[in-house]
N, C-alpha and C. Protein backbone atom coordinates (compact mmCIF):
# COMPACT_ATOMS: atom_id res chain seq x y z
N UNK A 1 8.46 0.12 -14.04
CA UNK A 1 9.13 0.17 -12.76
C UNK A 1 8.50 1.29 -11.93
N UNK A 2 8.42 1.04 -10.64
CA UNK A 2 7.92 2.02 -9.68
C UNK A 2 9.13 2.53 -8.90
N UNK A 3 9.23 3.85 -8.73
CA UNK A 3 10.37 4.40 -8.01
C UNK A 3 9.88 5.29 -6.87
N UNK A 4 10.71 5.39 -5.87
CA UNK A 4 10.43 6.24 -4.73
C UNK A 4 11.74 6.62 -4.07
N UNK A 5 11.64 7.11 -2.84
CA UNK A 5 12.83 7.52 -2.10
C UNK A 5 12.73 7.10 -0.64
N UNK A 6 13.86 7.12 0.01
CA UNK A 6 13.93 6.87 1.45
C UNK A 6 13.87 8.23 2.14
N UNK A 7 12.94 8.38 3.08
CA UNK A 7 12.79 9.67 3.76
C UNK A 7 13.76 9.79 4.94
N UNK A 8 13.67 10.90 5.66
CA UNK A 8 14.58 11.18 6.77
C UNK A 8 14.39 10.21 7.93
N UNK A 9 13.27 9.49 7.98
CA UNK A 9 13.04 8.47 9.01
C UNK A 9 13.45 7.08 8.55
N UNK A 10 14.15 7.01 7.42
CA UNK A 10 14.59 5.75 6.81
C UNK A 10 13.43 4.85 6.41
N UNK A 11 12.33 5.49 5.98
CA UNK A 11 11.19 4.75 5.45
C UNK A 11 11.24 4.80 3.93
N UNK A 12 11.02 3.66 3.29
CA UNK A 12 10.96 3.59 1.83
C UNK A 12 9.56 4.01 1.41
N UNK A 13 9.46 5.10 0.64
CA UNK A 13 8.17 5.70 0.30
C UNK A 13 7.99 5.74 -1.22
N UNK A 14 6.79 5.33 -1.66
CA UNK A 14 6.43 5.46 -3.07
C UNK A 14 5.09 6.20 -3.17
N UNK A 15 4.84 6.82 -4.30
CA UNK A 15 3.57 7.50 -4.55
C UNK A 15 2.69 6.60 -5.40
N UNK A 16 1.42 6.53 -5.02
CA UNK A 16 0.46 5.69 -5.74
C UNK A 16 -0.78 6.52 -6.06
N UNK A 17 -1.42 6.22 -7.17
CA UNK A 17 -2.70 6.83 -7.50
C UNK A 17 -3.78 5.81 -7.18
N UNK A 18 -4.69 6.21 -6.29
CA UNK A 18 -5.80 5.36 -5.86
C UNK A 18 -7.06 5.85 -6.55
N UNK A 19 -7.93 4.91 -6.94
CA UNK A 19 -9.22 5.26 -7.54
C UNK A 19 -10.34 4.48 -6.87
N UNK A 20 -11.44 5.20 -6.69
CA UNK A 20 -12.64 4.59 -6.14
C UNK A 20 -13.62 4.22 -7.23
N UNK A 21 -14.73 3.60 -6.87
CA UNK A 21 -15.71 3.12 -7.86
C UNK A 21 -16.44 4.23 -8.61
N UNK A 22 -16.42 5.45 -8.07
CA UNK A 22 -17.10 6.56 -8.74
C UNK A 22 -16.19 7.31 -9.70
N UNK A 23 -14.94 6.87 -9.80
CA UNK A 23 -13.98 7.53 -10.67
C UNK A 23 -13.12 8.57 -9.97
N UNK A 24 -13.41 8.84 -8.71
CA UNK A 24 -12.58 9.79 -7.97
C UNK A 24 -11.19 9.19 -7.77
N UNK A 25 -10.17 10.04 -7.77
CA UNK A 25 -8.81 9.54 -7.60
C UNK A 25 -8.05 10.43 -6.63
N UNK A 26 -6.98 9.88 -6.11
CA UNK A 26 -6.16 10.61 -5.14
C UNK A 26 -4.77 10.01 -5.14
N UNK A 27 -3.77 10.88 -5.13
CA UNK A 27 -2.39 10.43 -5.02
C UNK A 27 -2.04 10.32 -3.54
N UNK A 28 -1.45 9.20 -3.16
CA UNK A 28 -1.04 9.00 -1.77
C UNK A 28 0.42 8.55 -1.73
N UNK A 29 1.12 9.01 -0.73
CA UNK A 29 2.47 8.52 -0.47
C UNK A 29 2.35 7.39 0.54
N UNK A 30 2.93 6.25 0.22
CA UNK A 30 2.79 5.06 1.05
C UNK A 30 4.17 4.51 1.42
N UNK A 31 4.28 4.05 2.65
CA UNK A 31 5.51 3.47 3.17
C UNK A 31 5.48 1.97 2.90
N UNK A 32 6.58 1.43 2.42
CA UNK A 32 6.69 -0.01 2.20
C UNK A 32 6.92 -0.69 3.54
N UNK A 33 6.08 -1.69 3.84
CA UNK A 33 6.14 -2.41 5.12
C UNK A 33 6.23 -3.91 4.82
N UNK A 34 7.43 -4.45 4.82
CA UNK A 34 7.61 -5.87 4.50
C UNK A 34 7.10 -6.78 5.60
N UNK A 35 6.73 -6.23 6.75
CA UNK A 35 6.13 -7.02 7.82
C UNK A 35 4.62 -7.12 7.72
N UNK A 36 4.04 -6.45 6.73
CA UNK A 36 2.60 -6.44 6.49
C UNK A 36 2.31 -7.34 5.30
N UNK A 37 1.51 -8.38 5.50
CA UNK A 37 1.26 -9.36 4.43
C UNK A 37 0.12 -8.97 3.50
N UNK A 38 -0.65 -7.95 3.84
CA UNK A 38 -1.76 -7.52 2.99
C UNK A 38 -1.29 -6.70 1.81
N UNK A 39 -2.25 -6.02 1.16
CA UNK A 39 -1.96 -5.21 -0.01
C UNK A 39 -1.64 -3.77 0.37
N UNK A 40 -2.64 -3.08 0.91
CA UNK A 40 -2.49 -1.67 1.26
C UNK A 40 -3.30 -1.34 2.50
N UNK A 41 -2.83 -0.34 3.25
CA UNK A 41 -3.65 0.25 4.30
C UNK A 41 -3.88 1.71 3.94
N UNK A 42 -5.02 2.22 4.35
CA UNK A 42 -5.33 3.64 4.21
C UNK A 42 -6.06 4.10 5.45
N UNK A 43 -5.87 5.35 5.84
CA UNK A 43 -6.68 5.88 6.93
C UNK A 43 -8.11 6.12 6.45
N UNK A 44 -9.05 6.07 7.38
CA UNK A 44 -10.47 6.16 7.03
C UNK A 44 -10.84 7.43 6.25
N UNK A 45 -10.29 8.61 6.56
CA UNK A 45 -10.67 9.80 5.77
C UNK A 45 -10.35 9.66 4.27
N UNK A 46 -9.28 8.98 3.92
CA UNK A 46 -8.97 8.77 2.49
C UNK A 46 -9.98 7.79 1.88
N UNK A 47 -10.35 6.76 2.63
CA UNK A 47 -11.35 5.80 2.15
C UNK A 47 -12.66 6.50 1.86
N UNK A 48 -13.08 7.38 2.76
CA UNK A 48 -14.32 8.14 2.56
C UNK A 48 -14.20 9.05 1.34
N UNK A 49 -13.07 9.74 1.18
CA UNK A 49 -12.91 10.67 0.07
C UNK A 49 -12.96 9.97 -1.29
N UNK A 50 -12.60 8.69 -1.32
CA UNK A 50 -12.64 7.91 -2.57
C UNK A 50 -13.94 7.12 -2.73
N UNK A 51 -14.82 7.19 -1.74
CA UNK A 51 -16.09 6.44 -1.75
C UNK A 51 -15.86 4.94 -1.97
N UNK A 52 -14.87 4.39 -1.29
CA UNK A 52 -14.55 2.97 -1.47
C UNK A 52 -15.67 2.09 -0.92
N UNK A 53 -15.82 0.93 -1.54
CA UNK A 53 -16.86 -0.03 -1.14
C UNK A 53 -16.35 -0.94 -0.03
N UNK A 54 -17.20 -1.07 1.00
CA UNK A 54 -16.89 -1.92 2.13
C UNK A 54 -17.01 -3.38 1.72
N UNK A 55 -16.03 -4.20 2.09
CA UNK A 55 -16.02 -5.63 1.75
C UNK A 55 -16.32 -6.51 2.96
N UNK A 56 -16.04 -6.02 4.15
CA UNK A 56 -16.28 -6.82 5.34
C UNK A 56 -15.28 -6.48 6.43
N UNK A 57 -15.21 -7.36 7.40
CA UNK A 57 -14.27 -7.19 8.51
C UNK A 57 -13.24 -8.32 8.47
N UNK A 58 -12.09 -8.04 9.02
CA UNK A 58 -11.03 -9.05 9.12
C UNK A 58 -10.31 -8.83 10.44
N UNK A 59 -9.49 -9.79 10.80
CA UNK A 59 -8.67 -9.62 11.99
C UNK A 59 -7.30 -10.20 11.74
N UNK A 60 -6.36 -9.67 12.47
CA UNK A 60 -4.97 -10.09 12.33
C UNK A 60 -4.29 -9.88 13.67
N UNK A 61 -3.07 -10.31 13.76
CA UNK A 61 -2.30 -10.11 14.98
C UNK A 61 -1.21 -9.08 14.71
N UNK A 62 -1.07 -8.15 15.64
CA UNK A 62 -0.03 -7.14 15.55
C UNK A 62 1.30 -7.72 15.98
N UNK A 63 2.37 -6.98 15.73
CA UNK A 63 3.71 -7.45 16.07
C UNK A 63 3.88 -7.77 17.54
N UNK A 64 3.10 -7.11 18.40
CA UNK A 64 3.21 -7.38 19.83
C UNK A 64 2.28 -8.50 20.31
N UNK A 65 1.62 -9.18 19.35
CA UNK A 65 0.77 -10.32 19.69
C UNK A 65 -0.69 -10.00 19.93
N UNK A 66 -1.05 -8.72 20.01
CA UNK A 66 -2.45 -8.34 20.22
C UNK A 66 -3.25 -8.60 18.95
N UNK A 67 -4.50 -9.03 19.15
CA UNK A 67 -5.41 -9.24 18.04
C UNK A 67 -6.03 -7.89 17.66
N UNK A 68 -6.13 -7.65 16.36
CA UNK A 68 -6.64 -6.38 15.85
C UNK A 68 -7.73 -6.66 14.82
N UNK A 69 -8.89 -6.05 15.00
CA UNK A 69 -9.99 -6.20 14.04
C UNK A 69 -10.10 -4.90 13.24
N UNK A 70 -10.38 -5.02 11.94
CA UNK A 70 -10.43 -3.84 11.08
C UNK A 70 -11.39 -4.08 9.92
N UNK A 71 -11.83 -2.99 9.31
CA UNK A 71 -12.68 -3.06 8.12
C UNK A 71 -11.82 -3.18 6.87
N UNK A 72 -12.39 -3.83 5.86
CA UNK A 72 -11.71 -4.03 4.58
C UNK A 72 -12.56 -3.42 3.48
N UNK A 73 -11.92 -2.68 2.60
CA UNK A 73 -12.57 -2.03 1.46
C UNK A 73 -11.89 -2.48 0.18
N UNK A 74 -12.48 -2.17 -0.96
CA UNK A 74 -11.83 -2.48 -2.24
C UNK A 74 -11.57 -1.19 -2.99
N UNK A 75 -10.47 -1.17 -3.74
CA UNK A 75 -10.08 0.02 -4.51
C UNK A 75 -9.27 -0.42 -5.71
N UNK A 76 -9.03 0.52 -6.58
CA UNK A 76 -8.14 0.31 -7.71
C UNK A 76 -6.90 1.16 -7.47
N UNK A 77 -5.74 0.56 -7.67
CA UNK A 77 -4.48 1.28 -7.53
C UNK A 77 -3.74 1.18 -8.86
N UNK A 78 -3.15 2.28 -9.27
CA UNK A 78 -2.29 2.25 -10.46
C UNK A 78 -0.96 1.67 -10.03
N UNK A 79 -0.63 0.51 -10.57
CA UNK A 79 0.56 -0.22 -10.15
C UNK A 79 1.39 -0.58 -11.37
N UNK A 80 2.52 0.04 -11.48
CA UNK A 80 3.45 -0.21 -12.59
C UNK A 80 2.76 -0.02 -13.94
N UNK A 81 1.97 1.06 -14.04
CA UNK A 81 1.31 1.41 -15.30
C UNK A 81 0.01 0.69 -15.58
N UNK A 82 -0.43 -0.15 -14.66
CA UNK A 82 -1.68 -0.90 -14.85
C UNK A 82 -2.57 -0.75 -13.63
N UNK A 83 -3.87 -0.90 -13.87
CA UNK A 83 -4.82 -0.88 -12.76
C UNK A 83 -4.87 -2.24 -12.09
N UNK A 84 -4.80 -2.24 -10.77
CA UNK A 84 -4.96 -3.46 -9.98
C UNK A 84 -6.06 -3.23 -8.98
N UNK A 85 -6.96 -4.20 -8.87
CA UNK A 85 -8.03 -4.15 -7.89
C UNK A 85 -7.53 -4.87 -6.64
N UNK A 86 -7.53 -4.15 -5.52
CA UNK A 86 -6.93 -4.69 -4.30
C UNK A 86 -7.82 -4.44 -3.10
N UNK A 87 -7.54 -5.18 -2.04
CA UNK A 87 -8.20 -4.96 -0.76
C UNK A 87 -7.43 -3.91 0.02
N UNK A 88 -8.16 -3.04 0.67
CA UNK A 88 -7.59 -1.98 1.49
C UNK A 88 -7.99 -2.22 2.93
N UNK A 89 -7.02 -2.31 3.81
CA UNK A 89 -7.29 -2.43 5.24
C UNK A 89 -7.29 -1.04 5.86
N UNK A 90 -8.26 -0.77 6.71
CA UNK A 90 -8.31 0.52 7.40
C UNK A 90 -7.26 0.51 8.51
N UNK A 91 -6.42 1.53 8.53
CA UNK A 91 -5.43 1.69 9.59
C UNK A 91 -5.17 3.17 9.76
N UNK A 92 -5.25 3.63 10.98
CA UNK A 92 -5.05 5.06 11.25
C UNK A 92 -3.57 5.40 11.39
N UNK A 93 -2.82 5.03 10.36
CA UNK A 93 -1.40 5.35 10.26
C UNK A 93 -1.16 5.90 8.87
N UNK A 94 0.07 6.17 8.55
CA UNK A 94 0.41 6.52 7.18
C UNK A 94 0.04 5.34 6.29
N UNK A 95 -0.37 5.59 5.03
CA UNK A 95 -0.65 4.47 4.13
C UNK A 95 0.56 3.53 4.05
N UNK A 96 0.27 2.24 4.01
CA UNK A 96 1.32 1.22 3.94
C UNK A 96 1.12 0.33 2.72
N UNK A 97 2.22 -0.03 2.07
CA UNK A 97 2.24 -1.02 0.99
C UNK A 97 2.75 -2.32 1.60
N UNK A 98 1.97 -3.39 1.45
CA UNK A 98 2.36 -4.67 2.01
C UNK A 98 2.89 -5.65 0.98
N UNK A 99 3.28 -6.80 1.47
CA UNK A 99 3.86 -7.83 0.62
C UNK A 99 2.87 -8.39 -0.39
N UNK A 100 1.57 -8.31 -0.11
CA UNK A 100 0.57 -8.76 -1.09
C UNK A 100 0.66 -7.99 -2.39
N UNK A 101 0.93 -6.69 -2.31
CA UNK A 101 1.06 -5.87 -3.51
C UNK A 101 2.43 -6.06 -4.15
N UNK A 102 3.44 -6.35 -3.34
CA UNK A 102 4.81 -6.52 -3.86
C UNK A 102 5.06 -7.91 -4.44
N UNK A 103 4.16 -8.85 -4.22
CA UNK A 103 4.36 -10.23 -4.71
C UNK A 103 4.65 -10.22 -6.21
N UNK A 104 5.65 -10.98 -6.61
CA UNK A 104 6.02 -11.08 -8.02
C UNK A 104 6.91 -9.94 -8.49
N UNK A 105 7.44 -9.16 -7.56
CA UNK A 105 8.28 -8.02 -7.89
C UNK A 105 9.60 -8.08 -7.12
N UNK A 106 10.61 -7.41 -7.65
CA UNK A 106 11.87 -7.22 -6.94
C UNK A 106 11.82 -5.84 -6.30
N UNK A 107 12.23 -5.76 -5.05
CA UNK A 107 12.27 -4.51 -4.31
C UNK A 107 13.73 -4.21 -3.99
N UNK A 108 14.18 -3.00 -4.35
CA UNK A 108 15.54 -2.57 -4.05
C UNK A 108 15.45 -1.24 -3.30
N UNK A 109 16.18 -1.16 -2.18
CA UNK A 109 16.17 0.04 -1.36
C UNK A 109 17.61 0.44 -1.06
N UNK A 110 17.95 1.68 -1.38
CA UNK A 110 19.22 2.25 -0.94
C UNK A 110 18.93 2.88 0.42
N UNK A 111 19.33 2.22 1.49
CA UNK A 111 18.91 2.58 2.84
C UNK A 111 19.73 3.74 3.41
N UNK A 112 19.62 4.89 2.75
CA UNK A 112 20.18 6.15 3.21
C UNK A 112 19.15 7.23 2.93
N UNK A 113 19.16 8.30 3.71
CA UNK A 113 18.23 9.39 3.47
C UNK A 113 18.38 9.87 2.03
N UNK A 114 17.27 9.91 1.31
CA UNK A 114 17.29 10.31 -0.10
C UNK A 114 17.62 9.17 -1.04
N UNK A 115 17.84 7.97 -0.50
CA UNK A 115 18.17 6.82 -1.32
C UNK A 115 17.04 6.43 -2.26
N UNK A 116 17.38 5.72 -3.32
CA UNK A 116 16.40 5.31 -4.32
C UNK A 116 15.68 4.03 -3.88
N UNK A 117 14.39 4.01 -4.14
CA UNK A 117 13.57 2.81 -3.95
C UNK A 117 13.07 2.42 -5.34
N UNK A 118 13.24 1.17 -5.71
CA UNK A 118 12.70 0.73 -7.00
C UNK A 118 12.00 -0.62 -6.85
N UNK A 119 10.90 -0.74 -7.56
CA UNK A 119 10.09 -1.96 -7.56
C UNK A 119 9.92 -2.34 -9.02
N UNK A 120 10.32 -3.55 -9.36
CA UNK A 120 10.28 -3.98 -10.75
C UNK A 120 9.67 -5.38 -10.84
N UNK A 121 8.77 -5.55 -11.81
CA UNK A 121 8.14 -6.85 -12.02
C UNK A 121 9.20 -7.87 -12.40
N UNK A 122 9.10 -9.06 -11.82
CA UNK A 122 10.02 -10.14 -12.19
C UNK A 122 9.62 -10.70 -13.53
N UNK A 123 10.60 -11.09 -14.32
CA UNK A 123 10.33 -11.71 -15.59
C UNK A 123 9.82 -13.13 -15.37
N UNK A 124 8.87 -13.55 -16.19
CA UNK A 124 8.37 -14.93 -16.09
C UNK A 124 9.51 -15.90 -16.37
N UNK A 125 9.56 -16.96 -15.59
CA UNK A 125 10.65 -17.94 -15.75
C UNK A 125 10.14 -19.20 -16.40
């Protein structure tokens, strides 16, 4: 199980360990964003510090309908005790966890400042 907390801005935050291809690692606090269908976003300075490999470019539409183009990198994230290889979208915001990473898991949020956030793998049915 992955646990986190709700911050003073009512954001559900979890800590993740990210690893690059050279073995460098970094702990990041990431906000859960259920409106984001990808895996993870990271700001460019963190991508550089981990020496992540560029995968290409992608585009998507923002909530206000504007088209947004961004670079995509690959990284390894420690997820529920296991390494997962995921795509990272560059975004100059706080790191975000998207629904792609949450797929197959239950998400529970106590929506109060200091509330518990828990992510648990669903049992196979």
